[in-house]
Every structure is written in C-alpha cells, then in structure tokens.
Amino acid sequence: MAWRIGDPELFAPHYAAFATPAEAADAFGLSADSAQASDIQRFFHFSDDWVGVHPQHPQVLGDLRYASLPDDIRPLWGIRLQPAHPEARVEWQQFTEMEPGAVKRLWGMIWK
C-alpha cells in the first residue's frame, strides 16, 4: 500500500493506528460479529477513520485527530475495549489531563 499525506497508516511505524475497523477488531482478538466490533465500526465512522491505540492506555482506541497539544498524538477521547468480554459494550473515555508544563508549552506555541 502506498501511503498518502493524511492517511492514518503514516503513524503505524511509531503508533498503533488502524486502516479499517476490521483490522482494529482483529488486533484485539474480537470476532467481526461481536458487539465490540460493531462499536469499533461506529467509532471509526465518527472519527473519520483516524483511529489508533492510546499510547498510555493499551485497551483504548482513540480519535487521532484531536490531542491536547498540536504536536502530540495522544487522543483526547476514545473507547475502552474489553477483549475478554466481546459482547460487552465499549466504554467512552475522555483524557483531559495534561502533564506538568503542557499548558505553558501550548501557550508558547500559540504566541511564538
């Protein structure tokens, strides 16, 4: 596959991003007809296919389009999977905490 600018797969060498809902479900060992695979498909739709594993929360698929800082790919929200319980519904997660100094760094980027 040839990568284009704007493809989520560009993150793949450094970050677990997925091209399709089926690929994400398979990575978590979920069958295509499970409830969580269906939830993953819905999340892909609303995330415009920009979905990857949160680097600090390996059971969370996050929306890669939005992060606290413009040079960071840690998502602000996502869905927590439970691969051991494939028929359980996913849980919505929000990540609004910022590490120390991040706000100062952000303002430095804005006013630079």
C-alpha atoms as a PDB file:
ATOM      1  CA  MET A   1       0.000   0.000   0.000  1.00  0.00           C
ATOM      2  CA  ALA A   2       1.310   3.442  -0.893  1.00  0.00           C
ATOM      3  CA  TRP A   3       0.867   5.991   1.871  1.00  0.00           C
ATOM      4  CA  ARG A   4      -0.573   9.408   1.148  1.00  0.00           C
ATOM      5  CA  ILE A   5      -0.392  12.510   3.285  1.00  0.00           C
ATOM      6  CA  GLY A   6      -3.417  12.332   5.545  1.00  0.00           C
ATOM      7  CA  ASP A   7      -3.523   8.535   5.842  1.00  0.00           C
ATOM      8  CA  PRO A   8      -3.729   7.236   9.426  1.00  0.00           C
ATOM      9  CA  GLU A   9      -1.265   4.496   8.444  1.00  0.00           C
ATOM     10  CA  LEU A  10       1.525   7.083   8.383  1.00  0.00           C
ATOM     11  CA  PHE A  11       1.609   6.771  12.163  1.00  0.00           C
ATOM     12  CA  ALA A  12       1.952   2.981  12.020  1.00  0.00           C
ATOM     13  CA  PRO A  13       5.747   2.731  12.444  1.00  0.00           C
ATOM     14  CA  HIS A  14       5.547   4.750  15.680  1.00  0.00           C
ATOM     15  CA  TYR A  15       1.973   4.359  16.794  1.00  0.00           C
ATOM     16  CA  ALA A  16      -0.621   1.588  16.540  1.00  0.00           C
ATOM     17  CA  ALA A  17      -3.061   3.080  14.016  1.00  0.00           C
ATOM     18  CA  PHE A  18      -5.567   1.075  12.025  1.00  0.00           C
ATOM     19  CA  ALA A  19      -6.801   1.441   8.463  1.00  0.00           C
ATOM     20  CA  THR A  20     -10.113  -0.344   8.981  1.00  0.00           C
ATOM     21  CA  PRO A  21     -12.473  -1.324  11.804  1.00  0.00           C
ATOM     22  CA  ALA A  22     -11.888  -4.990  10.930  1.00  0.00           C
ATOM     23  CA  GLU A  23      -8.126  -4.529  11.365  1.00  0.00           C
ATOM     24  CA  ALA A  24      -8.644  -2.919  14.787  1.00  0.00           C
ATOM     25  CA  ALA A  25     -11.076  -5.618  15.936  1.00  0.00           C
ATOM     26  CA  ASP A  26      -8.688  -8.320  14.771  1.00  0.00           C
ATOM     27  CA  ALA A  27      -5.782  -6.705  16.653  1.00  0.00           C
ATOM     28  CA  PHE A  28      -7.808  -7.078  19.858  1.00  0.00           C
ATOM     29  CA  GLY A  29      -8.887 -10.620  19.023  1.00  0.00           C
ATOM     30  CA  LEU A  30     -12.540  -9.666  18.522  1.00  0.00           C
ATOM     31  CA  SER A  31     -14.700 -11.549  16.041  1.00  0.00           C
ATOM     32  CA  ALA A  32     -16.293  -9.481  13.294  1.00  0.00           C
ATOM     33  CA  ASP A  33     -19.804 -10.217  14.582  1.00  0.00           C
ATOM     34  CA  SER A  34     -19.157  -9.225  18.214  1.00  0.00           C
ATOM     35  CA  ALA A  35     -20.800  -6.234  19.893  1.00  0.00           C
ATOM     36  CA  GLN A  36     -17.435  -4.536  20.392  1.00  0.00           C
ATOM     37  CA  ALA A  37     -16.512  -4.974  16.709  1.00  0.00           C
ATOM     38  CA  SER A  38     -19.767  -3.177  15.909  1.00  0.00           C
ATOM     39  CA  ASP A  39     -18.862  -0.403  18.375  1.00  0.00           C
ATOM     40  CA  ILE A  40     -15.406  -0.122  16.790  1.00  0.00           C
ATOM     41  CA  GLN A  41     -17.012   0.286  13.367  1.00  0.00           C
ATOM     42  CA  ARG A  42     -19.237   3.085  14.716  1.00  0.00           C
ATOM     43  CA  PHE A  43     -16.234   4.788  16.349  1.00  0.00           C
ATOM     44  CA  PHE A  44     -14.327   4.659  13.046  1.00  0.00           C
ATOM     45  CA  HIS A  45     -17.237   6.404  11.345  1.00  0.00           C
ATOM     46  CA  PHE A  46     -17.368   9.255  13.855  1.00  0.00           C
ATOM     47  CA  SER A  47     -13.554   9.530  13.962  1.00  0.00           C
ATOM     48  CA  ASP A  48     -13.374   9.782  10.163  1.00  0.00           C
ATOM     49  CA  ASP A  49     -11.209   6.608  10.153  1.00  0.00           C
ATOM     50  CA  TRP A  50      -8.454   8.249  12.261  1.00  0.00           C
ATOM     51  CA  VAL A  51      -8.267   5.577  14.955  1.00  0.00           C
ATOM     52  CA  GLY A  52      -5.330   4.231  16.925  1.00  0.00           C
ATOM     53  CA  VAL A  53      -4.384   2.772  20.284  1.00  0.00           C
ATOM     54  CA  HIS A  54      -3.848   5.333  23.044  1.00  0.00           C
ATOM     55  CA  PRO A  55      -0.120   5.051  23.897  1.00  0.00           C
ATOM     56  CA  GLN A  56      -0.768   5.187  27.653  1.00  0.00           C
ATOM     57  CA  HIS A  57      -3.954   3.095  27.670  1.00  0.00           C
ATOM     58  CA  PRO A  58      -3.491  -0.034  25.505  1.00  0.00           C
ATOM     59  CA  GLN A  59      -7.154  -1.079  25.780  1.00  0.00           C
ATOM     60  CA  VAL A  60      -8.366   2.271  24.384  1.00  0.00           C
ATOM     61  CA  LEU A  61      -8.903   3.146  20.746  1.00  0.00           C
ATOM     62  CA  GLY A  62      -8.661   6.911  20.369  1.00  0.00           C
ATOM     63  CA  ASP A  63      -9.581   9.536  17.794  1.00  0.00           C
ATOM     64  CA  LEU A  64      -6.190  10.599  16.424  1.00  0.00           C
ATOM     65  CA  ARG A  65      -7.489  13.890  15.058  1.00  0.00           C
ATOM     66  CA  TYR A  66      -7.630  15.631  18.436  1.00  0.00           C
ATOM     67  CA  ALA A  67      -4.976  15.946  21.144  1.00  0.00           C
ATOM     68  CA  SER A  68      -4.177  18.430  23.918  1.00  0.00           C
ATOM     69  CA  LEU A  69      -1.110  19.672  22.064  1.00  0.00           C
ATOM     70  CA  PRO A  70      -0.728  20.167  18.313  1.00  0.00           C
ATOM     71  CA  ASP A  71       2.472  18.089  18.176  1.00  0.00           C
ATOM     72  CA  ASP A  72       1.112  15.175  20.207  1.00  0.00           C
ATOM     73  CA  ILE A  73      -0.962  12.202  19.105  1.00  0.00           C
ATOM     74  CA  ARG A  74      -2.341  11.170  22.497  1.00  0.00           C
ATOM     75  CA  PRO A  75      -6.077  11.424  21.856  1.00  0.00           C
ATOM     76  CA  LEU A  76      -8.489  13.450  23.962  1.00  0.00           C
ATOM     77  CA  TRP A  77     -11.164  10.739  23.774  1.00  0.00           C
ATOM     78  CA  GLY A  78     -11.729   7.173  22.775  1.00  0.00           C
ATOM     79  CA  ILE A  79     -13.428   3.891  23.565  1.00  0.00           C
ATOM     80  CA  ARG A  80     -12.205   1.333  26.113  1.00  0.00           C
ATOM     81  CA  LEU A  81     -12.395  -2.223  24.857  1.00  0.00           C
ATOM     82  CA  GLN A  82     -12.826  -5.386  26.906  1.00  0.00           C
ATOM     83  CA  PRO A  83     -11.480  -8.139  24.615  1.00  0.00           C
ATOM     84  CA  ALA A  84     -12.185 -10.797  27.275  1.00  0.00           C
ATOM     85  CA  HIS A  85     -15.889  -9.818  27.094  1.00  0.00           C
ATOM     86  CA  PRO A  86     -16.569  -9.244  23.371  1.00  0.00           C
ATOM     87  CA  GLU A  87     -20.337  -8.838  23.843  1.00  0.00           C
ATOM     88  CA  ALA A  88     -19.950  -6.077  26.450  1.00  0.00           C
ATOM     89  CA  ARG A  89     -20.403  -2.582  25.073  1.00  0.00           C
ATOM     90  CA  VAL A  90     -17.356  -0.321  24.887  1.00  0.00           C
ATOM     91  CA  GLU A  91     -16.927   2.457  27.426  1.00  0.00           C
ATOM     92  CA  TRP A  92     -16.444   6.100  26.376  1.00  0.00           C
ATOM     93  CA  GLN A  93     -13.227   7.633  27.755  1.00  0.00           C
ATOM     94  CA  GLN A  94     -12.057  11.243  27.962  1.00  0.00           C
ATOM     95  CA  PHE A  95      -8.442  12.257  28.573  1.00  0.00           C
ATOM     96  CA  THR A  96      -8.288  15.901  29.550  1.00  0.00           C
ATOM     97  CA  GLU A  97      -5.379  15.711  31.972  1.00  0.00           C
ATOM     98  CA  MET A  98      -2.236  17.464  30.833  1.00  0.00           C
ATOM     99  CA  GLU A  99       1.237  16.724  32.060  1.00  0.00           C
ATOM    100  CA  PRO A 100       3.091  19.388  34.070  1.00  0.00           C
ATOM    101  CA  GLY A 101       4.261  22.247  31.885  1.00  0.00           C
ATOM    102  CA  ALA A 102       1.970  21.343  28.958  1.00  0.00           C
ATOM    103  CA  VAL A 103      -0.214  24.460  29.260  1.00  0.00           C
ATOM    104  CA  LYS A 104       2.842  26.705  29.308  1.00  0.00           C
ATOM    105  CA  ARG A 105       4.214  24.851  26.287  1.00  0.00           C
ATOM    106  CA  LEU A 106       0.907  25.231  24.453  1.00  0.00           C
ATOM    107  CA  TRP A 107       0.780  28.999  25.102  1.00  0.00           C
ATOM    108  CA  GLY A 108       4.388  29.211  23.896  1.00  0.00           C
ATOM    109  CA  MET A 109       3.337  27.569  20.620  1.00  0.00           C
ATOM    110  CA  ILE A 110       0.358  29.921  20.224  1.00  0.00           C
ATOM    111  CA  TRP A 111       2.229  33.149  20.922  1.00  0.00           C
ATOM    112  CA  LYS A 112       5.527  32.266  19.278  1.00  0.00           C
END
